[in-house]
N, C-alpha and C. Protein backbone atom coordinates (compact mmCIF):
# COMPACT_ATOMS: atom_id res chain seq x y z
N MET A 1 0.83 -1.27 0.05
CA MET A 1 0.18 -0.21 0.04
C MET A 1 0.84 1.12 0.08
N THR A 2 2.28 0.93 -0.04
CA THR A 2 3.01 2.46 0.25
C THR A 2 2.91 3.22 -1.17
N SER A 3 3.37 2.14 -2.08
CA SER A 3 2.90 3.40 -3.60
C SER A 3 1.48 3.73 -3.50
N LEU A 4 0.71 3.47 -3.31
CA LEU A 4 -0.95 4.00 -2.88
C LEU A 4 -1.04 5.25 -1.69
N ASN A 5 -0.11 4.83 -0.90
CA ASN A 5 -0.27 5.75 -0.14
C ASN A 5 0.92 7.04 -0.71
N ASP A 6 2.08 6.75 -1.54
CA ASP A 6 2.78 7.88 -1.92
C ASP A 6 1.87 8.58 -2.98
N ALA A 7 1.12 7.97 -3.49
CA ALA A 7 -0.13 8.18 -4.82
C ALA A 7 -1.18 9.33 -4.29
N ILE A 8 -1.44 8.67 -3.16
CA ILE A 8 -2.77 9.53 -1.96
C ILE A 8 -2.11 11.45 -1.85
N LEU A 9 -1.00 10.88 -1.41
CA LEU A 9 -0.20 12.00 -0.80
C LEU A 9 -0.02 12.89 -1.76
N ASN A 10 0.42 12.55 -3.16
CA ASN A 10 1.53 13.59 -4.35
C ASN A 10 -0.36 13.97 -4.74
N ALA A 11 -1.14 12.88 -4.38
CA ALA A 11 -2.42 14.16 -5.06
C ALA A 11 -3.38 14.89 -4.39
N HIS A 12 -2.96 14.65 -2.82
CA HIS A 12 -3.48 15.82 -2.02
C HIS A 12 -2.64 17.57 -2.24
N ASP A 13 -0.86 16.83 -2.75
CA ASP A 13 0.13 17.93 -2.90
C ASP A 13 -0.44 18.68 -3.95
N GLN A 14 -0.88 17.89 -4.61
CA GLN A 14 -1.56 18.34 -6.39
C GLN A 14 -3.12 19.04 -6.13
N ARG A 15 -3.75 18.42 -5.51
CA ARG A 15 -4.91 19.17 -4.92
C ARG A 15 -5.70 18.61 -6.13
N ASP A 16 -5.62 17.23 -6.57
CA ASP A 16 -6.13 16.46 -8.10
C ASP A 16 -7.56 15.99 -7.57
N GLN A 17 -8.38 16.58 -6.86
CA GLN A 17 -9.90 15.36 -6.24
C GLN A 17 -10.23 14.45 -7.32
N ARG A 18 -10.23 14.71 -8.30
CA ARG A 18 -10.59 13.68 -9.25
C ARG A 18 -9.33 12.15 -8.94
N ALA A 19 -8.86 12.47 -9.00
CA ALA A 19 -7.42 11.59 -8.61
C ALA A 19 -7.54 10.81 -7.27
N LEU A 20 -8.19 11.73 -6.23
CA LEU A 20 -8.08 10.90 -5.13
C LEU A 20 -9.25 9.99 -5.04
N VAL A 21 -10.23 10.57 -5.17
CA VAL A 21 -11.81 9.72 -5.48
C VAL A 21 -11.29 8.27 -6.14
N ASP A 22 -10.38 8.35 -7.01
CA ASP A 22 -10.14 6.64 -8.02
C ASP A 22 -9.34 6.13 -6.85
N LEU A 23 -7.95 7.07 -5.80
CA LEU A 23 -7.39 6.28 -5.28
C LEU A 23 -7.94 5.83 -3.76
N TYR A 24 -8.45 6.66 -3.33
CA TYR A 24 -9.29 6.28 -1.90
C TYR A 24 -10.39 4.84 -2.38
N HIS A 25 -11.10 5.40 -3.50
CA HIS A 25 -11.71 3.88 -4.07
C HIS A 25 -10.66 2.79 -3.91
N GLN A 26 -9.62 3.12 -4.58
CA GLN A 26 -8.67 1.60 -4.72
C GLN A 26 -8.42 1.28 -3.33
N ALA A 27 -7.96 2.39 -2.54
CA ALA A 27 -7.53 1.85 -1.06
C ALA A 27 -9.00 1.13 -0.47
N ALA A 28 -10.31 1.83 -0.24
CA ALA A 28 -11.02 0.81 -0.17
C ALA A 28 -10.99 -0.64 -0.16
N GLN A 29 -10.68 -0.49 -1.46
CA GLN A 29 -11.31 -1.90 -2.28
C GLN A 29 -9.85 -3.08 -1.60
N SER A 30 -9.13 -2.30 -1.16
CA SER A 30 -7.96 -3.53 -0.94
C SER A 30 -7.51 -3.18 0.75
N ALA A 31 -8.27 -2.62 1.56
CA ALA A 31 -8.46 -2.89 3.00
C ALA A 31 -8.88 -3.98 3.52
N GLN A 32 -8.21 -3.74 4.92
CA GLN A 32 -7.81 -5.65 5.37
C GLN A 32 -9.59 -5.40 6.17
N ASN A 33 -10.21 -4.43 6.72
CA ASN A 33 -11.73 -4.82 7.19
C ASN A 33 -12.41 -3.86 6.89
N ILE A 34 -13.55 -4.50 7.06
CA ILE A 34 -14.67 -3.16 6.63
C ILE A 34 -14.93 -1.50 6.82
N ASP A 35 -14.31 -1.56 8.57
CA ASP A 35 -13.88 -0.64 9.26
C ASP A 35 -13.24 0.58 7.89
N GLU A 36 -12.09 0.15 8.14
CA GLU A 36 -10.96 0.70 7.12
C GLU A 36 -10.98 1.11 5.80
N ALA A 37 -12.45 -0.15 5.19
CA ALA A 37 -12.89 -0.30 3.80
C ALA A 37 -13.74 0.84 3.82
N CYS A 38 -14.51 1.43 4.94
CA CYS A 38 -15.52 2.62 5.17
C CYS A 38 -14.76 3.80 5.33
N PHE A 39 -13.73 4.09 6.03
CA PHE A 39 -13.02 5.42 6.16
C PHE A 39 -12.75 5.50 4.82
N PHE A 40 -11.79 4.81 4.04
CA PHE A 40 -11.56 4.98 2.76
C PHE A 40 -12.87 5.56 1.87
N ALA A 41 -13.74 4.69 1.71
CA ALA A 41 -14.38 5.05 0.78
C ALA A 41 -15.19 6.40 1.30
N THR A 42 -15.64 6.76 2.43
CA THR A 42 -15.98 8.03 2.66
C THR A 42 -15.02 9.28 2.40
N GLN A 43 -13.66 9.08 2.68
CA GLN A 43 -12.78 10.22 1.51
C GLN A 43 -13.00 9.86 0.41
N ALA A 44 -13.28 9.15 -0.29
CA ALA A 44 -13.44 9.29 -1.91
C ALA A 44 -15.32 9.25 -2.08
N TYR A 45 -15.71 9.25 -1.45
CA TYR A 45 -17.18 9.78 -1.72
C TYR A 45 -16.96 11.43 -1.23
N ILE A 46 -16.59 12.02 -0.03
CA ILE A 46 -16.41 13.41 0.02
C ILE A 46 -15.61 13.97 -0.81
N PHE A 47 -14.91 13.93 -2.05
CA PHE A 47 -13.92 14.04 -3.21
C PHE A 47 -15.04 14.29 -4.54
N ALA A 48 -15.81 12.96 -4.18
CA ALA A 48 -16.75 12.31 -5.16
C ALA A 48 -17.76 13.46 -5.59
N LEU A 49 -18.24 13.96 -4.16
CA LEU A 49 -19.36 14.76 -4.03
C LEU A 49 -18.91 16.30 -4.50
N ASP A 50 -17.44 16.59 -4.28
CA ASP A 50 -16.99 17.84 -4.82
C ASP A 50 -17.07 17.83 -6.16
N THR A 51 -16.81 16.70 -6.78
CA THR A 51 -16.25 16.98 -8.00
C THR A 51 -17.37 16.42 -9.23
N GLY A 52 -18.88 15.66 -8.37
CA GLY A 52 -19.76 15.04 -9.41
C GLY A 52 -18.96 13.86 -10.71
N HIS A 53 -18.04 13.06 -9.47
CA HIS A 53 -17.42 11.81 -10.05
C HIS A 53 -18.52 11.10 -10.72
N ALA A 54 -17.87 10.32 -11.17
CA ALA A 54 -19.15 9.03 -11.64
C ALA A 54 -19.11 7.86 -10.87
N LYS A 55 -18.37 7.82 -9.91
CA LYS A 55 -18.33 7.42 -8.60
C LYS A 55 -19.27 7.20 -7.31
N THR A 56 -19.75 8.58 -7.47
CA THR A 56 -20.35 8.80 -6.31
C THR A 56 -21.45 8.47 -5.98
N ALA A 57 -22.52 7.74 -6.69
CA ALA A 57 -23.35 6.89 -6.71
C ALA A 57 -23.35 5.58 -5.76
N GLU A 58 -22.01 5.05 -6.87
CA GLU A 58 -21.34 4.04 -6.27
C GLU A 58 -21.14 3.76 -4.57
N LEU A 59 -20.12 4.72 -4.51
CA LEU A 59 -19.57 5.03 -3.19
C LEU A 59 -20.60 5.39 -2.11
N HIS A 60 -21.69 6.01 -2.55
CA HIS A 60 -22.88 6.14 -1.60
C HIS A 60 -23.62 4.88 -1.15
N ARG A 61 -23.54 4.40 -1.81
CA ARG A 61 -24.19 2.86 -2.06
C ARG A 61 -23.58 1.84 -1.12
N PHE A 62 -21.88 2.12 -1.38
CA PHE A 62 -21.48 1.01 -0.68
C PHE A 62 -21.51 1.48 0.86
N LEU A 63 -21.41 3.08 1.25
CA LEU A 63 -21.35 3.31 2.52
C LEU A 63 -22.86 2.91 3.08
N CYS A 64 -23.79 2.81 2.42
CA CYS A 64 -25.48 3.14 2.94
C CYS A 64 -25.70 1.54 3.43
N ASP A 65 -24.90 0.72 2.45
CA ASP A 65 -25.15 -0.93 2.83
C ASP A 65 -24.53 -1.31 3.96
N HIS A 66 -23.57 -0.22 4.20
CA HIS A 66 -22.32 -0.61 5.46
C HIS A 66 -23.01 0.11 6.71
N ASN A 67 -24.21 1.25 6.50
CA ASN A 67 -24.29 1.75 7.75
C ASN A 67 -23.62 2.91 8.10
N ARG A 68 -23.08 3.35 7.16
CA ARG A 68 -22.43 4.53 7.22
C ARG A 68 -22.92 6.31 6.83
N GLU A 69 -23.83 5.77 6.31
CA GLU A 69 -24.62 6.66 5.23
C GLU A 69 -26.16 6.60 5.00
N GLU A 70 -26.97 7.45 5.29
CA GLU A 70 -28.29 7.44 5.34
C GLU A 70 -28.66 7.42 3.41
């Protein structure tokens, strides 16, 4: 996950919110447990909402399915 972490940090440095959606989504998919997955998915969802990203509905659905969003 180090290279993914580096990519996330770089995207933050570049203020690339669209990339952050994809990177946090990728981190959620490779998480070790559901709490970690939901944390990363929440980060992705926040940036998705800000950018109108195509993954917004998918992320919302994932968070609802795991009782993290209404």
